[in-house]
C-alpha cells in the first residue's frame, strides 16, 4: 500500500504522496463524487487539526490561520478572490521561511485546503502534505498506522460533509452555487485515464 511512498522516501522527495498513491485512491474516488461546496467544507474542517498542531509550535505565526479564515469568508461571498489568494500564498510562504519540513508541510496542507474554494483539484493537496508531515513525524518505519488512521479520518469527514453541507443552509459565494459545473477533480481523472 505504501510502496510509492517508500520509493519517494529513498529518493528524498519533498512530497511523499500524490494522486497516484495507492493509499489515497478511495479518498480520491469520494472526492470526485462531491459538490464543490462539500469539498470546501471538508477541506476547511480537516485543516483545523494541522492548524492546531502548527500553532502549538509556532503560536506567533498567524498567516496559516488567516488563510483558513479568509478562504472561508471567500466561500461565503464576503470577500473577493484576490484577498484570499494572497492569504493562500502567505500560508505557503511560511513553509519556506520556517526551515522545518514537518511543520512547513502543515502550512502547505492548510494552503491547499484554502485553495479548495478556488477549485476542487486543490482538495487532495491537504492530505498529500499533511500525510507527508506525518511520515516526517513518525519516521520512515513507523508511519503506516498513523497514515492509515488519518486517511480513514479524511473519508469519514468527507462522508459527513456529503450528508450535511447543504443541510446547514450557509451563505455561499455565487460561484459555489453552480451545481451544473462538473467536479474538476473528476474531469482531471477522466483526462488522465485517456492518456
C-alpha atoms as a PDB file:
ATOM      1  CA  UNK A   1       0.000   0.000   0.000  1.00  0.00           C
ATOM      2  CA  UNK A   2       2.917   2.388   0.618  1.00  0.00           C
ATOM      3  CA  UNK A   3       5.456   1.218  -1.962  1.00  0.00           C
ATOM      4  CA  UNK A   4       5.289   4.537  -3.853  1.00  0.00           C
ATOM      5  CA  UNK A   5       5.801   6.451  -0.608  1.00  0.00           C
ATOM      6  CA  UNK A   6       8.772   4.275   0.339  1.00  0.00           C
ATOM      7  CA  UNK A   7      10.362   4.952  -3.064  1.00  0.00           C
ATOM      8  CA  UNK A   8       9.880   8.691  -2.572  1.00  0.00           C
ATOM      9  CA  UNK A   9      11.401   8.480   0.905  1.00  0.00           C
ATOM     10  CA  UNK A  10      14.505   6.767  -0.530  1.00  0.00           C
ATOM     11  CA  UNK A  11      14.728   9.420  -3.249  1.00  0.00           C
ATOM     12  CA  UNK A  12      14.361  12.129  -0.577  1.00  0.00           C
ATOM     13  CA  UNK A  13      11.384  13.698  -2.335  1.00  0.00           C
ATOM     14  CA  UNK A  14       9.797  16.657  -0.573  1.00  0.00           C
ATOM     15  CA  UNK A  15       6.213  15.474  -1.152  1.00  0.00           C
ATOM     16  CA  UNK A  16       5.719  11.791  -0.400  1.00  0.00           C
ATOM     17  CA  UNK A  17       2.131  11.361  -1.639  1.00  0.00           C
ATOM     18  CA  UNK A  18       0.463  12.051  -4.982  1.00  0.00           C
ATOM     19  CA  UNK A  19      -2.764  11.429  -6.868  1.00  0.00           C
ATOM     20  CA  UNK A  20      -1.260   8.056  -7.786  1.00  0.00           C
ATOM     21  CA  UNK A  21      -0.609   6.954  -4.190  1.00  0.00           C
ATOM     22  CA  UNK A  22      -2.441   3.717  -3.546  1.00  0.00           C
ATOM     23  CA  UNK A  23      -3.452   4.766  -0.026  1.00  0.00           C
ATOM     24  CA  UNK A  24      -5.302   7.813  -1.432  1.00  0.00           C
ATOM     25  CA  UNK A  25      -7.355   6.067  -4.127  1.00  0.00           C
ATOM     26  CA  UNK A  26     -10.525   5.515  -2.063  1.00  0.00           C
ATOM     27  CA  UNK A  27     -10.403   9.107  -0.868  1.00  0.00           C
ATOM     28  CA  UNK A  28      -9.931  10.375  -4.422  1.00  0.00           C
ATOM     29  CA  UNK A  29     -12.922   8.319  -5.571  1.00  0.00           C
ATOM     30  CA  UNK A  30     -15.025  10.059  -2.918  1.00  0.00           C
ATOM     31  CA  UNK A  31     -13.612  13.490  -3.782  1.00  0.00           C
ATOM     32  CA  UNK A  32     -14.575  13.026  -7.440  1.00  0.00           C
ATOM     33  CA  UNK A  33     -18.218  12.482  -6.444  1.00  0.00           C
ATOM     34  CA  UNK A  34     -18.649  15.593  -4.294  1.00  0.00           C
ATOM     35  CA  UNK A  35     -20.051  19.027  -4.944  1.00  0.00           C
ATOM     36  CA  UNK A  36     -17.613  21.890  -4.749  1.00  0.00           C
ATOM     37  CA  UNK A  37     -19.360  23.146  -1.584  1.00  0.00           C
ATOM     38  CA  UNK A  38     -18.925  19.772   0.132  1.00  0.00           C
ATOM     39  CA  UNK A  39     -15.222  19.738  -0.679  1.00  0.00           C
ATOM     40  CA  UNK A  40     -14.832  23.269   0.666  1.00  0.00           C
ATOM     41  CA  UNK A  41     -16.497  22.333   3.954  1.00  0.00           C
ATOM     42  CA  UNK A  42     -14.422  19.144   4.191  1.00  0.00           C
ATOM     43  CA  UNK A  43     -11.114  20.848   3.441  1.00  0.00           C
ATOM     44  CA  UNK A  44     -11.662  23.761   5.825  1.00  0.00           C
ATOM     45  CA  UNK A  45     -12.796  21.343   8.535  1.00  0.00           C
ATOM     46  CA  UNK A  46      -9.904  18.901   8.098  1.00  0.00           C
ATOM     47  CA  UNK A  47      -7.389  21.763   8.030  1.00  0.00           C
ATOM     48  CA  UNK A  48      -8.250  22.682  11.622  1.00  0.00           C
ATOM     49  CA  UNK A  49      -6.129  19.835  13.012  1.00  0.00           C
ATOM     50  CA  UNK A  50      -2.940  20.726  11.129  1.00  0.00           C
ATOM     51  CA  UNK A  51      -3.537  24.374  12.041  1.00  0.00           C
ATOM     52  CA  UNK A  52      -3.809  23.477  15.732  1.00  0.00           C
ATOM     53  CA  UNK A  53      -0.651  21.382  15.524  1.00  0.00           C
ATOM     54  CA  UNK A  54       1.200  24.168  13.707  1.00  0.00           C
ATOM     55  CA  UNK A  55       0.114  26.855  16.177  1.00  0.00           C
ATOM     56  CA  UNK A  56       1.239  24.770  19.147  1.00  0.00           C
ATOM     57  CA  UNK A  57       4.807  25.038  17.870  1.00  0.00           C
ATOM     58  CA  UNK A  58       4.543  28.449  16.170  1.00  0.00           C
ATOM     59  CA  UNK A  59       1.967  30.404  18.220  1.00  0.00           C
ATOM     60  CA  UNK A  60       3.051  33.810  16.893  1.00  0.00           C
ATOM     61  CA  UNK A  61       2.707  32.884  13.210  1.00  0.00           C
ATOM     62  CA  UNK A  62      -0.819  33.845  12.150  1.00  0.00           C
ATOM     63  CA  UNK A  63      -0.683  33.507   8.353  1.00  0.00           C
ATOM     64  CA  UNK A  64      -1.977  29.903   8.171  1.00  0.00           C
ATOM     65  CA  UNK A  65      -4.940  30.832  10.393  1.00  0.00           C
ATOM     66  CA  UNK A  66      -5.598  33.918   8.287  1.00  0.00           C
ATOM     67  CA  UNK A  67      -5.579  31.679   5.199  1.00  0.00           C
ATOM     68  CA  UNK A  68      -8.389  29.498   6.542  1.00  0.00           C
ATOM     69  CA  UNK A  69     -10.413  32.423   7.878  1.00  0.00           C
ATOM     70  CA  UNK A  70     -10.161  34.455   4.685  1.00  0.00           C
ATOM     71  CA  UNK A  71     -10.862  31.460   2.447  1.00  0.00           C
ATOM     72  CA  UNK A  72     -13.976  30.701   4.442  1.00  0.00           C
ATOM     73  CA  UNK A  73     -15.032  34.345   4.031  1.00  0.00           C
ATOM     74  CA  UNK A  74     -14.412  33.976   0.278  1.00  0.00           C
ATOM     75  CA  UNK A  75     -16.534  30.815   0.175  1.00  0.00           C
ATOM     76  CA  UNK A  76     -19.340  32.711   1.907  1.00  0.00           C
ATOM     77  CA  UNK A  77     -19.179  35.569  -0.619  1.00  0.00           C
ATOM     78  CA  UNK A  78     -17.910  38.086   1.940  1.00  0.00           C
ATOM     79  CA  UNK A  79     -14.583  38.851   0.233  1.00  0.00           C
ATOM     80  CA  UNK A  80     -13.217  38.535  -3.294  1.00  0.00           C
ATOM     81  CA  UNK A  81     -10.631  36.074  -4.553  1.00  0.00           C
ATOM     82  CA  UNK A  82      -7.531  38.353  -4.603  1.00  0.00           C
ATOM     83  CA  UNK A  83      -7.628  38.785  -0.811  1.00  0.00           C
ATOM     84  CA  UNK A  84      -7.997  35.038  -0.222  1.00  0.00           C
ATOM     85  CA  UNK A  85      -5.385  34.228  -2.866  1.00  0.00           C
ATOM     86  CA  UNK A  86      -2.845  36.429  -1.067  1.00  0.00           C
ATOM     87  CA  UNK A  87      -3.611  34.589   2.194  1.00  0.00           C
ATOM     88  CA  UNK A  88      -3.159  31.203   0.495  1.00  0.00           C
ATOM     89  CA  UNK A  89       0.203  32.266  -0.914  1.00  0.00           C
ATOM     90  CA  UNK A  90       1.194  33.622   2.506  1.00  0.00           C
ATOM     91  CA  UNK A  91       0.469  30.231   4.117  1.00  0.00           C
ATOM     92  CA  UNK A  92       2.704  28.555   1.548  1.00  0.00           C
ATOM     93  CA  UNK A  93       5.374  31.228   2.148  1.00  0.00           C
ATOM     94  CA  UNK A  94       5.511  30.329   5.843  1.00  0.00           C
ATOM     95  CA  UNK A  95       6.544  26.806   4.858  1.00  0.00           C
ATOM     96  CA  UNK A  96       9.632  28.164   3.123  1.00  0.00           C
ATOM     97  CA  UNK A  97      10.502  30.647   5.855  1.00  0.00           C
ATOM     98  CA  UNK A  98      10.443  28.376   8.899  1.00  0.00           C
ATOM     99  CA  UNK A  99      13.029  25.805   7.711  1.00  0.00           C
ATOM    100  CA  UNK A 100      11.046  22.988   9.329  1.00  0.00           C
ATOM    101  CA  UNK A 101       9.850  20.409   6.797  1.00  0.00           C
ATOM    102  CA  UNK A 102       7.318  18.697   9.065  1.00  0.00           C
ATOM    103  CA  UNK A 103       5.587  21.926  10.037  1.00  0.00           C
ATOM    104  CA  UNK A 104       6.134  23.521   6.638  1.00  0.00           C
ATOM    105  CA  UNK A 105       4.119  20.673   5.137  1.00  0.00           C
ATOM    106  CA  UNK A 106       1.295  21.570   7.528  1.00  0.00           C
ATOM    107  CA  UNK A 107       1.349  25.120   6.095  1.00  0.00           C
ATOM    108  CA  UNK A 108       1.149  23.699   2.570  1.00  0.00           C
ATOM    109  CA  UNK A 109      -1.754  21.454   3.639  1.00  0.00           C
ATOM    110  CA  UNK A 110      -3.567  24.490   5.043  1.00  0.00           C
ATOM    111  CA  UNK A 111      -2.870  26.485   1.871  1.00  0.00           C
ATOM    112  CA  UNK A 112      -4.343  23.719  -0.288  1.00  0.00           C
ATOM    113  CA  UNK A 113      -7.371  23.454   1.983  1.00  0.00           C
ATOM    114  CA  UNK A 114      -7.998  27.163   1.452  1.00  0.00           C
ATOM    115  CA  UNK A 115      -7.372  26.891  -2.287  1.00  0.00           C
ATOM    116  CA  UNK A 116     -10.113  24.246  -2.495  1.00  0.00           C
ATOM    117  CA  UNK A 117     -12.508  27.209  -2.545  1.00  0.00           C
ATOM    118  CA  UNK A 118     -10.979  28.094  -5.905  1.00  0.00           C
ATOM    119  CA  UNK A 119     -11.056  24.624  -7.478  1.00  0.00           C
ATOM    120  CA  UNK A 120     -11.706  21.049  -6.357  1.00  0.00           C
ATOM    121  CA  UNK A 121      -8.311  19.811  -7.542  1.00  0.00           C
ATOM    122  CA  UNK A 122      -6.649  21.518  -4.575  1.00  0.00           C
ATOM    123  CA  UNK A 123      -8.566  19.350  -2.086  1.00  0.00           C
ATOM    124  CA  UNK A 124      -6.172  16.411  -2.442  1.00  0.00           C
ATOM    125  CA  UNK A 125      -3.266  18.733  -1.607  1.00  0.00           C
ATOM    126  CA  UNK A 126      -4.435  18.783   2.002  1.00  0.00           C
ATOM    127  CA  UNK A 127      -3.846  15.036   2.557  1.00  0.00           C
ATOM    128  CA  UNK A 128      -0.768  14.919   0.325  1.00  0.00           C
ATOM    129  CA  UNK A 129       1.030  17.454   2.505  1.00  0.00           C
ATOM    130  CA  UNK A 130      -0.436  16.538   5.881  1.00  0.00           C
ATOM    131  CA  UNK A 131       0.401  12.862   5.350  1.00  0.00           C
ATOM    132  CA  UNK A 132       3.934  13.832   4.322  1.00  0.00           C
ATOM    133  CA  UNK A 133       4.178  15.708   7.620  1.00  0.00           C
ATOM    134  CA  UNK A 134       3.018  12.585   9.460  1.00  0.00           C
ATOM    135  CA  UNK A 135       5.718  10.479   7.791  1.00  0.00           C
ATOM    136  CA  UNK A 136       8.342  13.022   8.849  1.00  0.00           C
ATOM    137  CA  UNK A 137       6.986  12.983  12.396  1.00  0.00           C
ATOM    138  CA  UNK A 138       6.849   9.199  12.798  1.00  0.00           C
ATOM    139  CA  UNK A 139       9.903   8.224  10.747  1.00  0.00           C
ATOM    140  CA  UNK A 140      10.094   6.021   7.699  1.00  0.00           C
ATOM    141  CA  UNK A 141       9.410   2.790   9.606  1.00  0.00           C
ATOM    142  CA  UNK A 142       6.565   3.851  11.923  1.00  0.00           C
ATOM    143  CA  UNK A 143       4.242   5.929   9.756  1.00  0.00           C
ATOM    144  CA  UNK A 144       1.894   3.212   8.430  1.00  0.00           C
ATOM    145  CA  UNK A 145      -0.631   3.176  11.275  1.00  0.00           C
ATOM    146  CA  UNK A 146      -0.965   6.975  11.692  1.00  0.00           C
ATOM    147  CA  UNK A 147      -1.257   7.466   7.919  1.00  0.00           C
ATOM    148  CA  UNK A 148      -3.948   4.781   7.642  1.00  0.00           C
ATOM    149  CA  UNK A 149      -5.823   6.318  10.584  1.00  0.00           C
ATOM    150  CA  UNK A 150      -5.625   9.778   9.010  1.00  0.00           C
ATOM    151  CA  UNK A 151      -6.856   8.571   5.607  1.00  0.00           C
ATOM    152  CA  UNK A 152      -9.799   6.892   7.344  1.00  0.00           C
ATOM    153  CA  UNK A 153     -10.484  10.163   9.157  1.00  0.00           C
ATOM    154  CA  UNK A 154     -10.483  12.052   5.829  1.00  0.00           C
ATOM    155  CA  UNK A 155     -13.003   9.616   4.348  1.00  0.00           C
ATOM    156  CA  UNK A 156     -15.257   9.750   7.425  1.00  0.00           C
ATOM    157  CA  UNK A 157     -15.256  13.534   7.429  1.00  0.00           C
ATOM    158  CA  UNK A 158     -15.946  13.665   3.693  1.00  0.00           C
ATOM    159  CA  UNK A 159     -18.939  11.370   4.092  1.00  0.00           C
ATOM    160  CA  UNK A 160     -20.139  13.541   6.987  1.00  0.00           C
ATOM    161  CA  UNK A 161     -19.920  16.710   4.879  1.00  0.00           C
ATOM    162  CA  UNK A 162     -21.543  14.952   1.923  1.00  0.00           C
ATOM    163  CA  UNK A 163     -24.571  14.374   4.142  1.00  0.00           C
ATOM    164  CA  UNK A 164     -24.574  17.716   5.962  1.00  0.00           C
ATOM    165  CA  UNK A 165     -23.171  20.579   3.873  1.00  0.00           C
ATOM    166  CA  UNK A 166     -26.437  21.682   2.332  1.00  0.00           C
ATOM    167  CA  UNK A 167     -28.449  20.982   5.489  1.00  0.00           C
ATOM    168  CA  UNK A 168     -26.627  23.830   7.229  1.00  0.00           C
ATOM    169  CA  UNK A 169     -28.180  26.490   4.969  1.00  0.00           C
ATOM    170  CA  UNK A 170     -24.985  28.541   4.896  1.00  0.00           C
ATOM    171  CA  UNK A 171     -24.356  31.582   2.739  1.00  0.00           C
ATOM    172  CA  UNK A 172     -22.253  30.779  -0.319  1.00  0.00           C
ATOM    173  CA  UNK A 173     -20.451  32.804  -2.946  1.00  0.00           C
ATOM    174  CA  UNK A 174     -22.379  32.640  -6.226  1.00  0.00           C
ATOM    175  CA  UNK A 175     -19.735  30.540  -7.983  1.00  0.00           C
ATOM    176  CA  UNK A 176     -20.135  27.792  -5.358  1.00  0.00           C
ATOM    177  CA  UNK A 177     -23.869  27.561  -6.002  1.00  0.00           C
ATOM    178  CA  UNK A 178     -23.453  26.443  -9.619  1.00  0.00           C
ATOM    179  CA  UNK A 179     -24.060  22.711  -9.296  1.00  0.00           C
ATOM    180  CA  UNK A 180     -24.115  22.226 -13.069  1.00  0.00           C
ATOM    181  CA  UNK A 181     -20.349  22.811 -13.257  1.00  0.00           C
ATOM    182  CA  UNK A 182     -18.563  19.431 -13.241  1.00  0.00           C
ATOM    183  CA  UNK A 183     -16.166  18.452 -10.461  1.00  0.00           C
ATOM    184  CA  UNK A 184     -12.680  19.422 -11.722  1.00  0.00           C
ATOM    185  CA  UNK A 185     -11.012  16.525  -9.878  1.00  0.00           C
ATOM    186  CA  UNK A 186     -13.306  14.153 -11.754  1.00  0.00           C
ATOM    187  CA  UNK A 187     -12.517  15.847 -15.072  1.00  0.00           C
ATOM    188  CA  UNK A 188      -8.792  15.566 -14.338  1.00  0.00           C
ATOM    189  CA  UNK A 189      -9.195  11.853 -13.555  1.00  0.00           C
ATOM    190  CA  UNK A 190     -11.123  11.248 -16.785  1.00  0.00           C
ATOM    191  CA  UNK A 191      -8.483  13.114 -18.765  1.00  0.00           C
ATOM    192  CA  UNK A 192      -5.670  11.083 -17.154  1.00  0.00           C
ATOM    193  CA  UNK A 193      -7.490   7.822 -17.970  1.00  0.00           C
ATOM    194  CA  UNK A 194      -7.491   8.709 -21.657  1.00  0.00           C
ATOM    195  CA  UNK A 195      -3.695   9.083 -21.755  1.00  0.00           C
END
